[in-house]
Amino acid sequence: MTLETEQYICTIISCAGEARSLCFEALQAAKKGDFDKSEECMKKAQETLLQTHHIHSDIIQQEASGEKQEVSLLLVHAEDHLMNTLLTKDLIKEMIEMVKMIQQPTKGE
């Protein structure tokens, strides 16, 4: 594994962790009724995940073009971290919508 690939992998881990934290921060803000902050945190999380997406795509394209990637524990960890963060983001997005429904019921109910 090259140093550059190792740095890419560490960036994926770092950005995924940051995005996951932002998602949980968004949920906490929503539970307090601060939906503006919640939305802001989710937007930052998405922007951070976009960085990981670009890096991840680069690694996949390298392999597709014949540059075989060494499967290391670090790479597996990065993949696991990224997938868990993506799932967390989707679930928290739905949870925030449920919090909104509970805290701001529609008129006429």
C-alpha atoms as a PDB file:
ATOM      1  CA  MET A   1       0.000   0.000   0.000  1.00  0.00           C
ATOM      2  CA  THR A   2       1.388   3.378  -0.940  1.00  0.00           C
ATOM      3  CA  LEU A   3       1.655   6.249   1.490  1.00  0.00           C
ATOM      4  CA  GLU A   4      -0.811   8.189  -0.655  1.00  0.00           C
ATOM      5  CA  THR A   5      -3.387   5.381  -0.453  1.00  0.00           C
ATOM      6  CA  GLU A   6      -2.872   5.114   3.291  1.00  0.00           C
ATOM      7  CA  GLN A   7      -3.458   8.859   3.625  1.00  0.00           C
ATOM      8  CA  TYR A   8      -6.637   8.563   1.529  1.00  0.00           C
ATOM      9  CA  ILE A   9      -7.867   5.782   3.780  1.00  0.00           C
ATOM     10  CA  CYS A  10      -7.128   7.762   6.933  1.00  0.00           C
ATOM     11  CA  THR A  11      -8.985  10.735   5.454  1.00  0.00           C
ATOM     12  CA  ILE A  12     -12.029   8.525   4.827  1.00  0.00           C
ATOM     13  CA  ILE A  13     -11.953   7.357   8.455  1.00  0.00           C
ATOM     14  CA  SER A  14     -11.540  10.890   9.770  1.00  0.00           C
ATOM     15  CA  CYS A  15     -14.230  12.461   7.581  1.00  0.00           C
ATOM     16  CA  ALA A  16     -16.673   9.625   8.229  1.00  0.00           C
ATOM     17  CA  GLY A  17     -16.178  10.079  11.970  1.00  0.00           C
ATOM     18  CA  GLU A  18     -16.708  13.812  11.702  1.00  0.00           C
ATOM     19  CA  ALA A  19     -19.870  13.331   9.632  1.00  0.00           C
ATOM     20  CA  ARG A  20     -21.222  10.785  12.118  1.00  0.00           C
ATOM     21  CA  SER A  21     -20.662  13.217  14.985  1.00  0.00           C
ATOM     22  CA  LEU A  22     -22.411  15.979  13.050  1.00  0.00           C
ATOM     23  CA  CYS A  23     -25.404  13.707  12.460  1.00  0.00           C
ATOM     24  CA  PHE A  24     -25.752  13.003  16.166  1.00  0.00           C
ATOM     25  CA  GLU A  25     -25.344  16.718  16.889  1.00  0.00           C
ATOM     26  CA  ALA A  26     -28.175  17.366  14.427  1.00  0.00           C
ATOM     27  CA  LEU A  27     -30.404  14.872  16.225  1.00  0.00           C
ATOM     28  CA  GLN A  28     -29.677  16.450  19.613  1.00  0.00           C
ATOM     29  CA  ALA A  29     -30.491  19.899  18.214  1.00  0.00           C
ATOM     30  CA  ALA A  30     -33.763  18.605  16.763  1.00  0.00           C
ATOM     31  CA  LYS A  31     -34.732  17.072  20.096  1.00  0.00           C
ATOM     32  CA  LYS A  32     -34.290  20.540  21.615  1.00  0.00           C
ATOM     33  CA  GLY A  33     -36.460  22.040  18.877  1.00  0.00           C
ATOM     34  CA  ASP A  34     -33.567  23.815  17.148  1.00  0.00           C
ATOM     35  CA  PHE A  35     -34.341  22.661  13.621  1.00  0.00           C
ATOM     36  CA  ASP A  36     -32.191  25.349  11.995  1.00  0.00           C
ATOM     37  CA  LYS A  37     -29.093  24.040  13.783  1.00  0.00           C
ATOM     38  CA  SER A  38     -30.178  20.491  13.055  1.00  0.00           C
ATOM     39  CA  GLU A  39     -30.431  21.236   9.344  1.00  0.00           C
ATOM     40  CA  GLU A  40     -27.084  23.025   9.385  1.00  0.00           C
ATOM     41  CA  CYS A  41     -25.384  20.035  11.018  1.00  0.00           C
ATOM     42  CA  MET A  42     -26.901  17.600   8.537  1.00  0.00           C
ATOM     43  CA  LYS A  43     -25.765  19.818   5.663  1.00  0.00           C
ATOM     44  CA  LYS A  44     -22.203  19.887   7.048  1.00  0.00           C
ATOM     45  CA  ALA A  45     -22.322  16.113   7.478  1.00  0.00           C
ATOM     46  CA  GLN A  46     -23.373  15.692   3.858  1.00  0.00           C
ATOM     47  CA  GLU A  47     -20.588  17.999   2.669  1.00  0.00           C
ATOM     48  CA  THR A  48     -18.057  16.034   4.697  1.00  0.00           C
ATOM     49  CA  LEU A  49     -19.360  12.751   3.294  1.00  0.00           C
ATOM     50  CA  LEU A  50     -19.016  14.167  -0.199  1.00  0.00           C
ATOM     51  CA  GLN A  51     -15.268  14.465   0.450  1.00  0.00           C
ATOM     52  CA  THR A  52     -15.128  10.787   1.381  1.00  0.00           C
ATOM     53  CA  HIS A  53     -17.163   9.911  -1.692  1.00  0.00           C
ATOM     54  CA  HIS A  54     -14.607  11.577  -3.977  1.00  0.00           C
ATOM     55  CA  ILE A  55     -11.701   9.788  -2.295  1.00  0.00           C
ATOM     56  CA  HIS A  56     -13.552   6.481  -2.284  1.00  0.00           C
ATOM     57  CA  SER A  57     -14.383   6.884  -5.969  1.00  0.00           C
ATOM     58  CA  ASP A  58     -10.732   7.608  -6.757  1.00  0.00           C
ATOM     59  CA  ILE A  59      -9.638   4.396  -5.040  1.00  0.00           C
ATOM     60  CA  ILE A  60     -12.293   2.396  -6.910  1.00  0.00           C
ATOM     61  CA  GLN A  61     -11.328   3.985 -10.245  1.00  0.00           C
ATOM     62  CA  GLN A  62      -7.668   3.161  -9.624  1.00  0.00           C
ATOM     63  CA  GLU A  63      -8.577  -0.469  -9.106  1.00  0.00           C
ATOM     64  CA  ALA A  64     -10.883  -0.482 -12.129  1.00  0.00           C
ATOM     65  CA  SER A  65      -8.025   0.838 -14.274  1.00  0.00           C
ATOM     66  CA  GLY A  66      -5.784  -2.046 -13.245  1.00  0.00           C
ATOM     67  CA  GLU A  67      -4.064  -0.674 -10.136  1.00  0.00           C
ATOM     68  CA  LYS A  68      -4.930  -3.441  -7.700  1.00  0.00           C
ATOM     69  CA  GLN A  69      -5.421  -2.258  -4.140  1.00  0.00           C
ATOM     70  CA  GLU A  70      -3.963  -4.167  -1.254  1.00  0.00           C
ATOM     71  CA  VAL A  71      -6.791  -5.218   1.039  1.00  0.00           C
ATOM     72  CA  SER A  72      -5.582  -4.193   4.458  1.00  0.00           C
ATOM     73  CA  LEU A  73      -7.217  -4.042   7.854  1.00  0.00           C
ATOM     74  CA  LEU A  74      -7.031  -0.253   7.573  1.00  0.00           C
ATOM     75  CA  LEU A  75      -8.959  -0.280   4.280  1.00  0.00           C
ATOM     76  CA  VAL A  76     -11.575  -2.641   5.706  1.00  0.00           C
ATOM     77  CA  HIS A  77     -11.896  -0.388   8.753  1.00  0.00           C
ATOM     78  CA  ALA A  78     -12.384   2.666   6.518  1.00  0.00           C
ATOM     79  CA  GLU A  79     -15.055   0.893   4.470  1.00  0.00           C
ATOM     80  CA  ASP A  80     -16.839  -0.213   7.626  1.00  0.00           C
ATOM     81  CA  HIS A  81     -16.646   3.263   9.137  1.00  0.00           C
ATOM     82  CA  LEU A  82     -17.981   4.873   5.961  1.00  0.00           C
ATOM     83  CA  MET A  83     -20.874   2.438   5.527  1.00  0.00           C
ATOM     84  CA  ASN A  84     -21.899   2.802   9.172  1.00  0.00           C
ATOM     85  CA  THR A  85     -21.835   6.585   8.848  1.00  0.00           C
ATOM     86  CA  LEU A  86     -23.972   6.520   5.705  1.00  0.00           C
ATOM     87  CA  LEU A  87     -26.527   4.334   7.464  1.00  0.00           C
ATOM     88  CA  THR A  88     -26.399   6.556  10.552  1.00  0.00           C
ATOM     89  CA  LYS A  89     -27.022   9.649   8.414  1.00  0.00           C
ATOM     90  CA  ASP A  90     -30.054   8.099   6.740  1.00  0.00           C
ATOM     91  CA  LEU A  91     -31.551   6.874  10.009  1.00  0.00           C
ATOM     92  CA  ILE A  92     -30.973  10.169  11.811  1.00  0.00           C
ATOM     93  CA  LYS A  93     -32.525  12.066   8.921  1.00  0.00           C
ATOM     94  CA  GLU A  94     -35.677   9.988   9.397  1.00  0.00           C
ATOM     95  CA  MET A  95     -35.545  10.428  13.180  1.00  0.00           C
ATOM     96  CA  ILE A  96     -35.353  14.202  12.795  1.00  0.00           C
ATOM     97  CA  GLU A  97     -38.461  14.101  10.610  1.00  0.00           C
ATOM     98  CA  MET A  98     -40.251  12.123  13.331  1.00  0.00           C
ATOM     99  CA  VAL A  99     -39.158  14.645  15.973  1.00  0.00           C
ATOM    100  CA  LYS A 100     -40.535  17.436  13.776  1.00  0.00           C
ATOM    101  CA  MET A 101     -43.861  15.616  13.481  1.00  0.00           C
ATOM    102  CA  ILE A 102     -44.059  15.176  17.243  1.00  0.00           C
ATOM    103  CA  GLN A 103     -43.017  18.713  18.110  1.00  0.00           C
ATOM    104  CA  GLN A 104     -44.851  20.482  15.305  1.00  0.00           C
ATOM    105  CA  PRO A 105     -48.059  18.571  14.583  1.00  0.00           C
ATOM    106  CA  THR A 106     -49.926  19.628  11.476  1.00  0.00           C
ATOM    107  CA  LYS A 107     -52.811  22.024  11.843  1.00  0.00           C
ATOM    108  CA  GLY A 108     -56.225  20.496  12.301  1.00  0.00           C
ATOM    109  CA  GLU A 109     -55.070  17.618  14.472  1.00  0.00           C
END
